[in-house]
Amino acid sequence: MEQKMYDVKTILDTIFNSKKAPIKKRLIYDKSSIGGLSSQWIKILLFIMPFIMYASLFNPRSFEYLGIAQAIVFYIILLVFAMQIVIAVAFFNNRSVVKKITPSWEHYFKGVELKMILSSGVTPYVDFIQHYEKTLNKNLNNEELHQELQNAFSVMEDENRDLIDAINRDKKSKN
């Protein structure tokens, strides 16, 4: 099956929120730019879920059947279940987005793992967001954005050469 190629801007729009001044990594990745459901709709649905549960348990008909104690207990149990649903939806949505954009990412940035960009830990590319913000202020097209980010990766790799060498040694020792 042929994988659709996404441009660099589309890839970055799925995982970063660049509409506001400081760019932030999304908690729930946005599938709308790659042909899926927008993260805004997912957030709205997850926000509405506790109210729907409340309305279903505390309406006159079911409240009469359950009583106050059972209705409260069921509501608490359903809220725990709802939190598990939120975590599962975010996990599977994010995994799906990463799976779709990874081949395009590898096409544009060979040798730079997408996991290192998404990681919140220490990686050689920890300053990626600052470099990306600088390129966004220049209003570049896709090819120019790709070139600027390629240069940014070179700069970050030069600054963190020791860390990259350690990662490469670790990969070799595991093989």
Protein backbone atom coordinates (compact mmCIF):
# COMPACT_ATOMS: atom_id res chain seq x y z
CA MET A 1 0.00 0.00 0.00
CA GLU A 2 1.42 3.37 -1.05
CA GLN A 3 1.90 5.77 1.85
CA LYS A 4 0.76 9.34 1.27
CA MET A 5 3.54 11.92 1.55
CA TYR A 6 2.80 14.97 3.68
CA ASP A 7 4.72 18.23 3.47
CA VAL A 8 6.86 19.45 6.37
CA LYS A 9 4.35 22.10 7.48
CA THR A 10 1.54 19.53 7.62
CA ILE A 11 3.67 17.12 9.64
CA LEU A 12 4.57 19.80 12.16
CA ASP A 13 0.98 21.08 12.37
CA THR A 14 -0.19 17.66 13.53
CA ILE A 15 2.13 17.55 16.55
CA PHE A 16 2.72 21.22 17.43
CA ASN A 17 0.27 24.04 18.10
CA SER A 18 1.76 26.92 16.14
CA LYS A 19 -1.22 29.28 16.08
CA LYS A 20 -0.19 31.01 19.30
CA ALA A 21 3.12 32.82 19.87
CA PRO A 22 4.96 30.22 21.92
CA ILE A 23 4.77 26.90 20.08
CA LYS A 24 3.73 24.00 22.27
CA LYS A 25 3.54 20.28 21.69
CA ARG A 26 -0.04 19.07 21.49
CA LEU A 27 -1.27 16.62 24.11
CA ILE A 28 -3.71 15.20 21.58
CA TYR A 29 -2.24 15.32 18.09
CA ASP A 30 -4.34 16.92 15.36
CA LYS A 31 -5.42 14.54 12.60
CA SER A 32 -7.34 17.17 10.63
CA SER A 33 -4.38 18.17 8.45
CA ILE A 34 -3.75 14.55 7.45
CA GLY A 35 -7.37 13.67 6.79
CA GLY A 36 -8.80 12.80 10.20
CA LEU A 37 -10.72 14.22 13.12
CA SER A 38 -9.53 17.51 14.57
CA SER A 39 -8.12 17.43 18.08
CA GLN A 40 -10.57 20.20 19.02
CA TRP A 41 -13.51 17.85 18.39
CA ILE A 42 -11.88 15.11 20.43
CA LYS A 43 -11.34 17.53 23.33
CA ILE A 44 -14.96 18.71 23.13
CA LEU A 45 -16.27 15.13 23.14
CA LEU A 46 -14.09 14.24 26.12
CA PHE A 47 -15.21 17.39 27.96
CA ILE A 48 -18.90 16.63 27.39
CA MET A 49 -18.65 13.00 28.56
CA PRO A 50 -18.99 13.68 32.35
CA PHE A 51 -22.05 15.85 31.75
CA ILE A 52 -23.72 13.13 29.71
CA MET A 53 -23.01 10.62 32.47
CA TYR A 54 -24.40 13.03 35.07
CA ALA A 55 -27.56 13.57 33.03
CA SER A 56 -28.06 9.85 32.52
CA LEU A 57 -27.64 8.97 36.21
CA PHE A 58 -29.33 11.90 37.91
CA ASN A 59 -32.41 12.27 35.72
CA PRO A 60 -35.72 11.67 37.53
CA ARG A 61 -36.32 8.25 36.02
CA SER A 62 -32.98 6.60 36.81
CA PHE A 63 -32.52 8.55 40.05
CA GLU A 64 -35.83 7.11 41.31
CA TYR A 65 -34.60 3.62 40.44
CA LEU A 66 -31.05 3.98 41.84
CA GLY A 67 -31.38 6.32 44.79
CA ILE A 68 -28.84 8.90 45.90
CA ALA A 69 -26.12 6.55 47.21
CA GLN A 70 -26.04 4.24 44.20
CA ALA A 71 -26.24 7.13 41.75
CA ILE A 72 -23.20 8.80 43.36
CA VAL A 73 -21.25 5.52 43.43
CA PHE A 74 -22.10 4.81 39.78
CA TYR A 75 -21.13 8.34 38.82
CA ILE A 76 -17.72 7.99 40.49
CA ILE A 77 -17.15 4.60 38.85
CA LEU A 78 -18.18 5.99 35.46
CA LEU A 79 -15.84 8.97 35.90
CA VAL A 80 -12.94 6.59 36.52
CA PHE A 81 -13.96 4.69 33.40
CA ALA A 82 -14.19 8.00 31.51
CA MET A 83 -10.65 8.93 32.56
CA GLN A 84 -9.44 5.60 31.20
CA ILE A 85 -11.28 6.32 27.94
CA VAL A 86 -9.60 9.74 27.71
CA ILE A 87 -6.17 8.20 28.15
CA ALA A 88 -6.91 5.46 25.61
CA VAL A 89 -8.31 7.89 23.02
CA ALA A 90 -5.30 10.20 23.36
CA PHE A 91 -2.86 7.28 23.17
CA PHE A 92 -4.41 5.64 20.11
CA ASN A 93 -4.97 8.96 18.34
CA ASN A 94 -1.35 10.03 18.91
CA ARG A 95 -0.02 6.63 17.87
CA SER A 96 -2.10 6.73 14.70
CA VAL A 97 -0.84 10.22 13.79
CA VAL A 98 2.79 9.28 14.40
CA LYS A 99 2.37 6.13 12.30
CA LYS A 100 0.94 8.18 9.41
CA ILE A 101 3.53 10.95 9.43
CA THR A 102 6.67 8.89 10.16
CA PRO A 103 7.35 7.84 6.53
CA SER A 104 7.09 11.46 5.38
CA TRP A 105 9.31 12.60 8.26
CA GLU A 106 11.94 10.00 7.35
CA HIS A 107 11.77 11.16 3.73
CA TYR A 108 12.52 14.77 4.67
CA PHE A 109 14.86 14.26 7.62
CA LYS A 110 16.89 11.08 7.20
CA GLY A 111 18.74 10.13 10.37
CA VAL A 112 16.59 12.27 12.67
CA GLU A 113 14.16 10.13 14.63
CA LEU A 114 10.70 11.63 15.10
CA LYS A 115 10.64 10.14 18.62
CA MET A 116 13.52 12.42 19.58
CA ILE A 117 11.56 15.49 18.47
CA LEU A 118 8.48 14.35 20.41
CA SER A 119 10.40 13.34 23.52
CA SER A 120 10.13 15.57 26.54
CA GLY A 121 13.44 14.26 27.85
CA VAL A 122 16.98 15.22 26.96
CA THR A 123 17.72 14.61 23.29
CA PRO A 124 20.12 16.22 20.83
CA TYR A 125 17.10 18.04 19.37
CA VAL A 126 15.76 19.55 22.60
CA ASP A 127 15.92 23.06 21.06
CA PHE A 128 13.82 22.08 18.03
CA ILE A 129 10.84 24.20 19.11
CA GLN A 130 12.93 27.37 19.29
CA HIS A 131 14.35 26.72 15.81
CA TYR A 132 10.87 25.97 14.47
CA GLU A 133 9.51 29.23 15.95
CA LYS A 134 12.26 31.18 14.19
CA THR A 135 11.40 29.60 10.84
CA LEU A 136 7.68 30.25 11.29
CA ASN A 137 8.31 33.96 11.75
CA LYS A 138 9.92 34.03 8.29
CA ASN A 139 6.75 32.78 6.47
CA LEU A 140 8.62 30.25 4.34
CA ASN A 141 7.18 27.87 1.76
CA ASN A 142 7.53 24.10 2.23
CA GLU A 143 10.90 23.74 0.48
CA GLU A 144 12.43 26.70 2.30
CA LEU A 145 11.02 25.45 5.62
CA HIS A 146 12.55 22.04 4.95
CA GLN A 147 15.94 23.59 4.20
CA GLU A 148 15.84 25.85 7.28
CA LEU A 149 14.95 22.93 9.54
CA GLN A 150 17.65 20.80 7.93
CA ASN A 151 20.15 23.53 8.82
CA ALA A 152 18.70 23.71 12.34
CA PHE A 153 19.20 19.97 12.77
CA SER A 154 22.82 20.36 11.70
CA VAL A 155 23.33 23.12 14.27
CA MET A 156 21.67 21.08 17.04
CA GLU A 157 23.75 18.01 16.13
CA ASP A 158 26.95 20.07 16.25
CA GLU A 159 25.99 21.52 19.64
CA ASN A 160 25.15 18.07 21.05
CA ARG A 161 27.83 15.95 19.35
CA ASP A 162 28.71 14.13 22.60
CA LEU A 163 25.10 13.09 23.16
CA ILE A 164 24.73 11.86 19.57
CA ASP A 165 27.95 9.86 19.87
CA ALA A 166 26.68 8.28 23.09
CA ILE A 167 23.35 7.39 21.45
CA ASN A 168 25.15 5.85 18.48
CA ARG A 169 27.43 3.82 20.78
CA ASP A 170 24.39 2.60 22.68
CA LYS A 171 22.67 1.53 19.46
CA LYS A 172 25.78 -0.36 18.34
CA SER A 173 26.08 -2.14 21.69
CA LYS A 174 22.45 -3.31 21.46
CA ASN A 175 22.99 -4.80 18.01
